[in-house]
Amino acid sequence: MATFPSNPCLLVGGYGEEFDPSVERTEMERGPPKMRVLNSRVLAEIQCRLLFDSTDDVGEFEDWYFDTIRRIGWFTVQHPRTGVTIEARIKDGRLGQLTPINNARRKWQRDLTLEYMR
């Protein structure tokens, strides 16, 4: 299995987590709605930002994205909040827009959403 590259830094700026609870809710004629758990595991999402120190780092990441995981492959990565190694993929194979951070265009950033089974 592929490993997330070490050259981009996962930033907590722009960071967020959410998951689908995988619960079915049935409204009742009287009383509170009934609920039941559909799946024991849920698909969780992590919104994060990548920081690249150079245009070469951007190119290396894009090579990994296109050639190694082929946009939709699973890979191991360290969870930004917990530090635990998880198996994840890029949601919909979609990378966010690449934007420069400084006027010299030596540092770059890109938002993306990772998804994994929790």
C-alpha atoms as a PDB file:
ATOM      1  CA  MET A   1       0.000   0.000   0.000  1.00  0.00           C
ATOM      2  CA  ALA A   2       1.176   3.509  -0.792  1.00  0.00           C
ATOM      3  CA  THR A   3       2.281   5.923   1.917  1.00  0.00           C
ATOM      4  CA  PHE A   4       1.388   9.614   2.031  1.00  0.00           C
ATOM      5  CA  PRO A   5       4.438  11.642   0.939  1.00  0.00           C
ATOM      6  CA  SER A   6       6.523  13.347   3.599  1.00  0.00           C
ATOM      7  CA  ASN A   7       7.194  16.575   1.661  1.00  0.00           C
ATOM      8  CA  PRO A   8       3.815  18.324   2.155  1.00  0.00           C
ATOM      9  CA  CYS A   9       3.013  19.377   5.706  1.00  0.00           C
ATOM     10  CA  LEU A  10      -0.553  18.704   6.897  1.00  0.00           C
ATOM     11  CA  LEU A  11      -1.721  21.928   8.520  1.00  0.00           C
ATOM     12  CA  VAL A  12      -4.437  22.366  11.108  1.00  0.00           C
ATOM     13  CA  GLY A  13      -5.487  25.687   9.569  1.00  0.00           C
ATOM     14  CA  GLY A  14      -8.620  24.921   7.585  1.00  0.00           C
ATOM     15  CA  TYR A  15      -8.880  21.609   9.470  1.00  0.00           C
ATOM     16  CA  GLY A  16     -12.204  19.899  10.144  1.00  0.00           C
ATOM     17  CA  GLU A  17     -13.590  16.441  10.821  1.00  0.00           C
ATOM     18  CA  GLU A  18     -17.019  14.939  10.274  1.00  0.00           C
ATOM     19  CA  PHE A  19     -18.642  11.574   9.690  1.00  0.00           C
ATOM     20  CA  ASP A  20     -21.928  10.083   8.580  1.00  0.00           C
ATOM     21  CA  PRO A  21     -23.416   8.468  11.710  1.00  0.00           C
ATOM     22  CA  SER A  22     -25.027   5.692   9.622  1.00  0.00           C
ATOM     23  CA  VAL A  23     -28.244   5.763  11.641  1.00  0.00           C
ATOM     24  CA  GLU A  24     -31.754   5.081  10.344  1.00  0.00           C
ATOM     25  CA  ARG A  25     -34.500   7.178  11.909  1.00  0.00           C
ATOM     26  CA  THR A  26     -38.170   6.198  11.672  1.00  0.00           C
ATOM     27  CA  GLU A  27     -40.833   8.687  12.681  1.00  0.00           C
ATOM     28  CA  MET A  28     -43.581   7.186  14.825  1.00  0.00           C
ATOM     29  CA  GLU A  29     -47.248   8.134  14.898  1.00  0.00           C
ATOM     30  CA  ARG A  30     -46.903   8.690  18.641  1.00  0.00           C
ATOM     31  CA  GLY A  31     -43.863   8.969  20.818  1.00  0.00           C
ATOM     32  CA  PRO A  32     -40.263   9.616  19.924  1.00  0.00           C
ATOM     33  CA  PRO A  33     -38.799   8.433  16.623  1.00  0.00           C
ATOM     34  CA  LYS A  34     -37.124   5.015  16.611  1.00  0.00           C
ATOM     35  CA  MET A  35     -33.504   4.804  15.571  1.00  0.00           C
ATOM     36  CA  ARG A  36     -31.146   1.983  14.716  1.00  0.00           C
ATOM     37  CA  VAL A  37     -27.509   1.755  13.774  1.00  0.00           C
ATOM     38  CA  LEU A  38     -27.042   0.666  10.154  1.00  0.00           C
ATOM     39  CA  ASN A  39     -23.293  -0.030  10.044  1.00  0.00           C
ATOM     40  CA  SER A  40     -20.682  -0.794  12.675  1.00  0.00           C
ATOM     41  CA  ARG A  41     -18.115   1.382  10.872  1.00  0.00           C
ATOM     42  CA  VAL A  42     -18.692   4.809   9.339  1.00  0.00           C
ATOM     43  CA  LEU A  43     -16.999   6.819   6.641  1.00  0.00           C
ATOM     44  CA  ALA A  44     -15.201   9.757   8.257  1.00  0.00           C
ATOM     45  CA  GLU A  45     -13.826  12.824   6.497  1.00  0.00           C
ATOM     46  CA  ILE A  46     -10.915  15.086   7.357  1.00  0.00           C
ATOM     47  CA  GLN A  47     -10.682  18.498   5.698  1.00  0.00           C
ATOM     48  CA  CYS A  48      -7.086  19.668   5.752  1.00  0.00           C
ATOM     49  CA  ARG A  49      -4.580  21.927   4.075  1.00  0.00           C
ATOM     50  CA  LEU A  50      -1.234  20.912   2.624  1.00  0.00           C
ATOM     51  CA  LEU A  51       1.769  23.220   2.769  1.00  0.00           C
ATOM     52  CA  PHE A  52       4.525  22.818   0.182  1.00  0.00           C
ATOM     53  CA  ASP A  53       7.940  24.423   0.732  1.00  0.00           C
ATOM     54  CA  SER A  54       8.840  24.584  -2.970  1.00  0.00           C
ATOM     55  CA  THR A  55       7.543  24.077  -6.480  1.00  0.00           C
ATOM     56  CA  ASP A  56       9.573  20.853  -6.580  1.00  0.00           C
ATOM     57  CA  ASP A  57       7.563  19.541  -3.597  1.00  0.00           C
ATOM     58  CA  VAL A  58       4.353  20.363  -5.476  1.00  0.00           C
ATOM     59  CA  GLY A  59       5.607  18.406  -8.491  1.00  0.00           C
ATOM     60  CA  GLU A  60       6.605  15.407  -6.380  1.00  0.00           C
ATOM     61  CA  PHE A  61       3.192  15.364  -4.703  1.00  0.00           C
ATOM     62  CA  GLU A  62       1.418  15.537  -8.066  1.00  0.00           C
ATOM     63  CA  ASP A  63       3.580  12.668  -9.377  1.00  0.00           C
ATOM     64  CA  TRP A  64       2.556  10.608  -6.320  1.00  0.00           C
ATOM     65  CA  TYR A  65      -1.102  11.583  -6.848  1.00  0.00           C
ATOM     66  CA  PHE A  66      -1.213  10.702 -10.567  1.00  0.00           C
ATOM     67  CA  ASP A  67       1.266   7.817 -10.780  1.00  0.00           C
ATOM     68  CA  THR A  68       1.291   6.075  -7.393  1.00  0.00           C
ATOM     69  CA  ILE A  69      -2.293   6.258  -6.103  1.00  0.00           C
ATOM     70  CA  ARG A  70      -3.781   7.074  -9.524  1.00  0.00           C
ATOM     71  CA  ARG A  71      -6.046   9.723  -7.973  1.00  0.00           C
ATOM     72  CA  ILE A  72      -8.339   7.259  -6.164  1.00  0.00           C
ATOM     73  CA  GLY A  73      -6.057   4.752  -4.427  1.00  0.00           C
ATOM     74  CA  TRP A  74      -5.842   4.035  -0.713  1.00  0.00           C
ATOM     75  CA  PHE A  75      -2.731   4.989   1.227  1.00  0.00           C
ATOM     76  CA  THR A  76      -1.495   5.115   4.799  1.00  0.00           C
ATOM     77  CA  VAL A  77      -1.224   8.474   6.524  1.00  0.00           C
ATOM     78  CA  GLN A  78      -0.854   9.690  10.071  1.00  0.00           C
ATOM     79  CA  HIS A  79      -4.144  11.118  11.374  1.00  0.00           C
ATOM     80  CA  PRO A  80      -3.497  14.848  11.936  1.00  0.00           C
ATOM     81  CA  ARG A  81      -5.321  14.952  15.294  1.00  0.00           C
ATOM     82  CA  THR A  82      -4.618  11.562  16.866  1.00  0.00           C
ATOM     83  CA  GLY A  83      -1.288  10.620  15.277  1.00  0.00           C
ATOM     84  CA  VAL A  84      -2.595   7.104  14.598  1.00  0.00           C
ATOM     85  CA  THR A  85      -1.779   5.598  11.193  1.00  0.00           C
ATOM     86  CA  ILE A  86      -4.944   5.184   9.115  1.00  0.00           C
ATOM     87  CA  GLU A  87      -5.776   3.932   5.632  1.00  0.00           C
ATOM     88  CA  ALA A  88      -7.325   6.804   3.691  1.00  0.00           C
ATOM     89  CA  ARG A  89      -8.000   8.091   0.218  1.00  0.00           C
ATOM     90  CA  ILE A  90      -8.678  11.503  -1.296  1.00  0.00           C
ATOM     91  CA  LYS A  91     -12.426  12.117  -1.430  1.00  0.00           C
ATOM     92  CA  ASP A  92     -13.691  11.883  -5.012  1.00  0.00           C
ATOM     93  CA  GLY A  93     -10.034  11.918  -6.117  1.00  0.00           C
ATOM     94  CA  ARG A  94     -10.307  15.704  -6.015  1.00  0.00           C
ATOM     95  CA  LEU A  95      -7.535  18.088  -5.018  1.00  0.00           C
ATOM     96  CA  GLY A  96      -8.310  21.687  -4.126  1.00  0.00           C
ATOM     97  CA  GLN A  97      -6.856  24.665  -5.933  1.00  0.00           C
ATOM     98  CA  LEU A  98      -3.111  25.205  -5.620  1.00  0.00           C
ATOM     99  CA  THR A  99      -2.401  28.721  -4.355  1.00  0.00           C
ATOM    100  CA  PRO A 100       0.827  30.599  -3.569  1.00  0.00           C
ATOM    101  CA  ILE A 101       1.367  31.733   0.013  1.00  0.00           C
ATOM    102  CA  ASN A 102       3.974  34.448  -0.556  1.00  0.00           C
ATOM    103  CA  ASN A 103       4.832  36.830  -3.381  1.00  0.00           C
ATOM    104  CA  ALA A 104       8.031  34.971  -4.234  1.00  0.00           C
ATOM    105  CA  ARG A 105       5.851  31.885  -4.934  1.00  0.00           C
ATOM    106  CA  ARG A 106       8.208  29.624  -3.079  1.00  0.00           C
ATOM    107  CA  LYS A 107       5.572  28.235  -0.712  1.00  0.00           C
ATOM    108  CA  TRP A 108       2.287  26.780  -1.887  1.00  0.00           C
ATOM    109  CA  GLN A 109      -0.865  25.418  -0.296  1.00  0.00           C
ATOM    110  CA  ARG A 110      -3.697  23.157  -1.380  1.00  0.00           C
ATOM    111  CA  ASP A 111      -6.858  22.043   0.420  1.00  0.00           C
ATOM    112  CA  LEU A 112      -8.104  18.480   0.237  1.00  0.00           C
ATOM    113  CA  THR A 113     -10.476  16.103   1.980  1.00  0.00           C
ATOM    114  CA  LEU A 114      -9.361  12.679   3.134  1.00  0.00           C
ATOM    115  CA  GLU A 115     -11.851   9.907   3.843  1.00  0.00           C
ATOM    116  CA  TYR A 116     -11.356   6.757   5.889  1.00  0.00           C
ATOM    117  CA  MET A 117     -13.373   4.088   7.661  1.00  0.00           C
ATOM    118  CA  ARG A 118     -13.750   4.745  11.375  1.00  0.00           C
END
